[in-house]
Protein backbone atom coordinates (compact mmCIF):
# COMPACT_ATOMS: atom_id res chain seq x y z
CA MET A 1 124.20 70.44 107.69
CA SER A 2 126.41 71.92 110.66
CA LEU A 3 125.68 73.98 112.88
CA VAL A 4 128.51 76.27 114.88
CA LYS A 5 127.64 78.73 118.10
CA VAL A 6 130.34 81.59 117.00
CA ASP A 7 131.50 84.74 118.88
CA ILE A 8 129.70 87.32 116.95
CA ASP A 9 132.75 89.08 117.17
CA ASN A 10 134.12 87.01 114.61
CA VAL A 11 131.91 87.13 112.18
CA VAL A 12 133.03 89.02 108.97
CA MET A 13 130.38 90.84 106.38
CA LYS A 14 131.51 92.26 103.32
CA LYS A 15 130.24 96.31 102.75
CA ASN A 16 127.43 96.75 101.10
CA SER A 17 126.83 92.96 100.91
CA ARG A 18 123.37 93.95 99.86
CA SER A 19 122.11 97.45 98.55
CA GLY A 20 119.12 99.04 99.43
CA ILE A 21 118.53 97.32 103.05
CA ASN A 22 115.30 98.60 103.81
CA GLU A 23 115.62 99.61 107.77
CA LYS A 24 111.99 99.18 108.39
CA ASP A 25 112.15 95.37 107.71
CA LEU A 26 115.03 95.05 109.44
CA SER A 27 113.71 96.66 112.48
CA ARG A 28 110.79 94.15 111.94
CA MET A 29 113.41 91.37 111.49
CA MET A 30 115.28 92.67 114.84
CA ASP A 31 111.82 92.32 116.94
CA SER A 32 110.91 89.03 115.42
CA ILE A 33 114.60 87.54 116.67
CA LYS A 34 114.42 89.23 120.28
CA LYS A 35 110.89 87.37 120.32
CA HIS A 36 111.63 83.95 118.50
CA GLY A 37 115.34 83.58 118.06
CA VAL A 38 117.06 83.33 114.86
CA LEU A 39 114.89 80.37 113.06
CA ASN A 40 117.22 80.20 110.56
CA ALA A 41 120.76 80.09 110.78
CA PRO A 42 122.95 82.45 108.30
CA GLY A 43 125.55 80.20 106.13
CA ALA A 44 129.09 80.84 106.72
CA ILE A 45 132.66 79.40 105.69
CA ARG A 46 135.34 79.22 108.24
CA LYS A 47 139.24 80.76 108.23
CA GLY A 48 141.09 80.29 111.27
CA LYS A 49 139.04 82.26 113.83
CA LYS A 50 136.92 84.50 111.29
CA TRP A 51 133.56 83.28 110.01
CA TYR A 52 132.77 84.61 106.22
CA ILE A 53 128.59 85.23 105.78
CA THR A 54 127.80 83.42 102.40
CA ASP A 55 124.08 83.88 102.81
CA GLY A 56 121.71 85.67 105.45
CA PHE A 57 123.14 88.72 105.26
CA ARG A 58 120.47 90.58 107.22
CA ARG A 59 119.99 88.32 109.43
CA THR A 60 123.64 88.42 111.01
CA LEU A 61 123.13 92.38 110.62
CA ALA A 62 120.42 92.13 112.95
CA CYS A 63 121.94 90.15 115.32
CA LYS A 64 124.90 92.44 115.46
CA LYS A 65 122.31 95.41 115.82
CA LEU A 66 120.38 94.08 118.90
CA GLY A 67 124.20 93.81 120.49
CA MET A 68 124.04 89.59 120.57
CA GLU A 69 127.56 88.14 121.89
CA TYR A 70 127.21 84.91 119.98
CA ILE A 71 125.30 83.90 116.89
CA VAL A 72 124.52 80.31 115.29
CA LEU A 73 126.06 80.01 112.01
CA ASN A 74 125.49 77.00 109.54
CA GLU A 75 129.25 75.83 108.71
CA ARG A 76 129.00 75.42 104.52
CA LYS A 77 131.32 71.75 104.85
CA ASP A 78 129.59 71.42 101.12
CA VAL A 79 132.06 74.22 99.79
CA LYS A 80 135.36 72.52 98.27
CA SER A 81 138.66 73.93 99.33
CA GLY A 82 139.58 75.91 95.95
CA LYS A 83 136.26 77.55 96.08
CA LYS A 84 136.29 78.25 99.62
CA ALA A 85 139.85 80.31 99.80
CA LEU A 86 138.67 82.12 96.49
CA ALA A 87 135.17 83.00 98.22
CA ILE A 88 136.58 83.80 101.40
CA ASN A 89 139.65 85.96 99.23
CA LEU A 90 136.86 87.67 97.15
CA ILE A 91 134.51 88.56 100.07
CA GLU A 92 137.84 89.91 101.97
CA ASN A 93 138.74 91.89 98.64
CA LEU A 94 135.23 92.96 98.18
CA MET A 95 135.24 94.95 101.72
CA ARG A 96 137.69 97.37 100.44
CA GLU A 97 136.01 100.68 99.76
CA ASP A 98 138.21 101.46 96.86
CA VAL A 99 137.40 98.22 94.64
CA THR A 100 135.77 98.78 91.42
CA PRO A 101 133.07 97.05 89.54
CA TYR A 102 135.63 96.23 87.30
CA GLY A 103 137.49 94.63 89.83
CA GLN A 104 134.65 92.57 91.10
CA GLY A 105 134.04 91.17 87.60
CA ARG A 106 137.27 89.89 87.30
CA ALA A 107 137.23 88.29 90.66
CA ILE A 108 134.09 86.67 89.52
CA ASN A 109 134.86 85.61 86.11
CA GLU A 110 138.05 83.57 88.23
CA MET A 111 135.50 82.25 90.40
CA ILE A 112 133.07 80.89 87.56
CA SER A 113 136.10 79.93 84.75
CA LYS A 114 138.60 78.52 87.27
CA HIS A 115 137.00 76.88 89.85
CA LYS A 116 133.81 75.76 87.95
CA MET A 117 131.31 77.54 90.19
CA THR A 118 127.94 78.37 88.63
CA LYS A 119 126.61 82.24 88.65
CA GLU A 120 123.87 81.05 91.23
CA GLU A 121 126.69 79.77 93.49
CA VAL A 122 129.18 83.28 93.42
CA SER A 123 125.90 85.27 93.67
CA ILE A 124 124.93 83.04 97.15
CA PHE A 125 128.83 83.37 98.48
CA LEU A 126 127.83 87.51 97.91
CA SER A 127 124.63 87.48 99.17
CA CYS A 128 123.62 89.69 95.90
CA PRO A 129 121.20 88.80 92.97
CA VAL A 130 122.38 86.62 89.86
CA THR A 131 121.19 89.79 87.59
CA ARG A 132 123.97 91.79 89.46
CA VAL A 133 126.73 88.75 88.45
CA VAL A 134 125.98 88.93 85.46
CA LYS A 135 126.12 92.53 85.31
CA LEU A 136 129.66 92.83 86.64
CA LEU A 137 130.87 89.97 84.44
CA ASN A 138 129.38 91.83 81.26
CA ILE A 139 131.50 95.04 82.67
CA TYR A 140 134.34 92.83 82.93
CA LYS A 141 134.41 91.42 79.49
CA LEU A 142 133.14 94.18 77.44
CA THR A 143 134.73 97.10 79.05
CA PRO A 144 137.86 99.02 77.04
CA ALA A 145 140.78 99.24 78.72
CA LYS A 146 141.07 102.90 79.45
CA TYR A 147 137.73 103.00 80.82
CA ARG A 148 137.91 99.95 83.65
CA LYS A 149 138.92 102.37 86.50
CA LEU A 150 136.31 104.94 85.63
CA ILE A 151 133.61 102.82 86.26
CA THR A 152 132.14 103.79 89.87
CA ASN A 153 129.23 101.93 92.16
CA ASN A 154 127.82 105.81 92.72
CA ASN A 155 124.70 105.45 90.56
CA GLY A 156 123.96 109.19 91.41
CA GLY A 157 122.63 108.88 94.72
CA THR A 158 125.60 111.38 95.14
CA ARG A 159 127.22 113.61 92.70
CA ARG A 160 130.16 111.62 90.93
CA LYS A 161 133.61 112.33 90.10
CA LYS A 162 133.68 114.17 86.64
CA GLY A 163 135.42 112.16 84.32
CA THR A 164 133.81 108.72 85.95
CA ILE A 165 131.55 106.26 84.64
CA ALA A 166 127.84 105.06 86.78
CA VAL A 167 127.50 100.91 86.90
CA GLN A 168 124.31 101.26 85.48
CA THR A 169 125.55 103.17 82.42
CA ALA A 170 128.37 101.01 81.88
CA ASP A 171 125.67 97.87 82.32
CA LEU A 172 123.72 99.33 79.54
CA ILE A 173 126.64 100.11 77.07
CA THR A 174 128.10 96.44 77.48
CA ASP A 175 124.10 95.54 76.69
CA LEU A 176 124.51 97.79 73.42
CA LYS A 177 127.59 96.01 72.56
CA ASN A 178 126.29 92.69 73.01
CA SER A 179 123.69 93.49 70.54
CA PHE A 180 126.05 95.71 67.96
CA PRO A 181 129.04 93.37 68.52
CA LYS A 182 130.69 94.98 64.84
CA ARG A 183 129.71 98.39 65.82
CA THR A 184 133.16 98.60 67.86
CA LYS A 185 133.46 101.95 66.86
CA ASP A 186 130.47 103.67 67.77
CA ILE A 187 130.42 101.68 71.05
CA GLY A 188 133.87 103.62 71.88
CA LYS A 189 132.08 106.71 70.95
CA LEU A 190 129.59 106.06 73.56
CA TRP A 191 132.06 104.83 76.06
CA GLU A 192 133.78 108.32 75.79
CA MET A 193 130.19 110.33 75.42
CA ALA A 194 129.77 108.70 79.09
CA ARG A 195 133.32 109.87 80.52
CA GLU A 196 133.51 113.25 78.85
CA GLN A 197 129.87 114.56 78.46
CA GLY A 198 128.69 113.16 81.81
CA PHE A 199 126.18 110.32 79.59
CA VAL A 200 124.03 108.52 81.95
CA SER A 201 122.28 105.47 81.71
CA ASN A 202 118.80 107.46 80.99
CA HIS A 203 121.10 108.48 77.76
CA VAL A 204 121.88 105.33 76.99
CA HIS A 205 118.01 104.20 77.72
CA LYS A 206 117.10 106.95 75.16
CA ILE A 207 119.23 105.34 72.66
CA LYS A 208 118.44 101.73 73.07
CA ARG A 209 114.83 102.74 72.67
CA MET A 210 115.26 104.35 69.83
CA VAL A 211 117.28 101.91 68.03
CA GLY A 212 113.75 99.44 68.49
CA ALA A 213 112.08 101.46 67.60
CA GLY A 214 113.51 100.95 63.88
CA ALA A 215 116.23 104.24 63.95
CA ASP A 216 119.72 102.99 62.87
CA LEU A 217 122.27 103.45 65.58
CA ASP A 218 124.21 106.34 63.89
CA THR A 219 120.99 108.49 64.85
CA ALA A 220 120.16 107.34 67.73
CA LEU A 221 124.21 108.28 69.04
CA LYS A 222 123.81 112.00 67.12
CA ARG A 223 120.34 112.37 68.95
CA ALA A 224 121.61 111.32 72.35
CA SER A 225 124.71 113.27 72.10
CA THR A 226 122.80 116.75 71.45
CA SER A 227 120.70 115.88 74.69
CA LYS A 228 121.23 116.55 77.79
CA GLN A 229 119.78 115.25 81.21
CA VAL A 230 119.45 117.39 84.29
CA SER A 231 118.49 115.68 87.51
CA PRO A 232 117.32 117.81 90.57
CA SER A 233 120.91 117.51 92.21
CA PHE A 234 122.23 119.78 89.40
CA PHE A 235 120.17 122.80 91.00
CA VAL A 236 120.25 122.41 94.72
CA ASP A 237 121.86 120.24 97.05
CA SER A 238 120.02 117.08 99.06
CA LYS A 239 119.32 119.56 102.17
CA LYS A 240 118.12 122.63 100.32
CA ALA A 241 115.89 120.08 97.95
CA LYS A 242 114.21 118.09 100.97
CA LYS A 243 113.17 121.65 102.37
CA LEU A 244 111.99 122.96 99.61
CA GLU A 245 109.80 119.72 98.58
CA GLU A 246 108.64 120.31 102.36
CA LYS A 247 107.88 124.21 101.67
CA PHE A 248 106.02 123.19 98.18
CA GLY A 249 104.60 119.40 99.20
CA LYS A 250 105.99 118.19 95.96
CA THR A 251 108.89 115.92 94.94
CA MET A 252 112.01 118.28 93.42
CA ARG A 253 111.86 117.03 90.02
CA ASP A 254 108.24 118.12 90.12
CA ILE A 255 108.94 121.49 91.04
CA ILE A 256 111.65 121.73 88.61
CA GLN A 257 109.03 120.67 85.88
CA ASP A 258 107.14 123.22 87.11
CA GLU A 259 109.60 125.74 86.54
CA VAL A 260 110.73 124.52 82.93
CA LYS A 261 106.95 125.69 81.69
CA LYS A 262 107.73 128.61 83.41
CA ASN A 263 111.20 129.01 81.51
CA LYS A 264 111.71 128.76 78.05
CA VAL A 265 115.66 129.02 78.20
CA LEU A 266 115.44 126.37 81.12
CA LYS A 267 113.24 124.10 79.26
CA LYS A 268 115.60 123.49 76.38
CA LEU A 269 117.96 121.95 78.83
CA ILE A 270 115.13 119.50 79.69
CA VAL A 271 114.69 116.37 77.65
């Protein structure tokens, strides 16, 4: 272990290093750091004056939010030069807002194939679960060329652009590709449905459930292509949805389901 005290302004963290940061947990961590300091130094690799965080993202973020001038880091000297350079390059690239899941998967594949890193090592460098690493690798290896740039990290929290495919949907389609390696044409139809008809992960989940229950892939695809998935955001934007939820004391989905029971035309749209 090599502990180094560095200027916090020289510490680099990629955006969205860890999705779903809980603000309450972060607040508790900040309180703990104010009382006890940072008990376990975040890991980092060095390039010139810059330090790139490899693990301990939340601890580093808490220190930045507290306005600390300096932070003690654990320099990862155990990282070989080739891996170190590539890891730094990958972290820098992932800081770009326009990088696609396919691009992330390609970089991860290079780390594993060229520099013999394990998935576990990659997950530490990127501050993300191993499952995320596997997902991005599958998207890189199994996505047809014409759909690669259409995959977006937006999973539906805000409305996606028409013609794009959510990363979760792409992940499920690649799972089906693994399950049916000889059904390239049918899986190709599913990619096109995701792009043209706005298929979401729920559609693909239905296909997997139907196949798992004994239905053939053709039937599952046909049934999925005729279904519609309507989310609350289809009807109302998030600000209005919040007001409606406060007014009725229900979630937006429950409000819509109540309306479906009253409206036969609307009911035909919901699966």
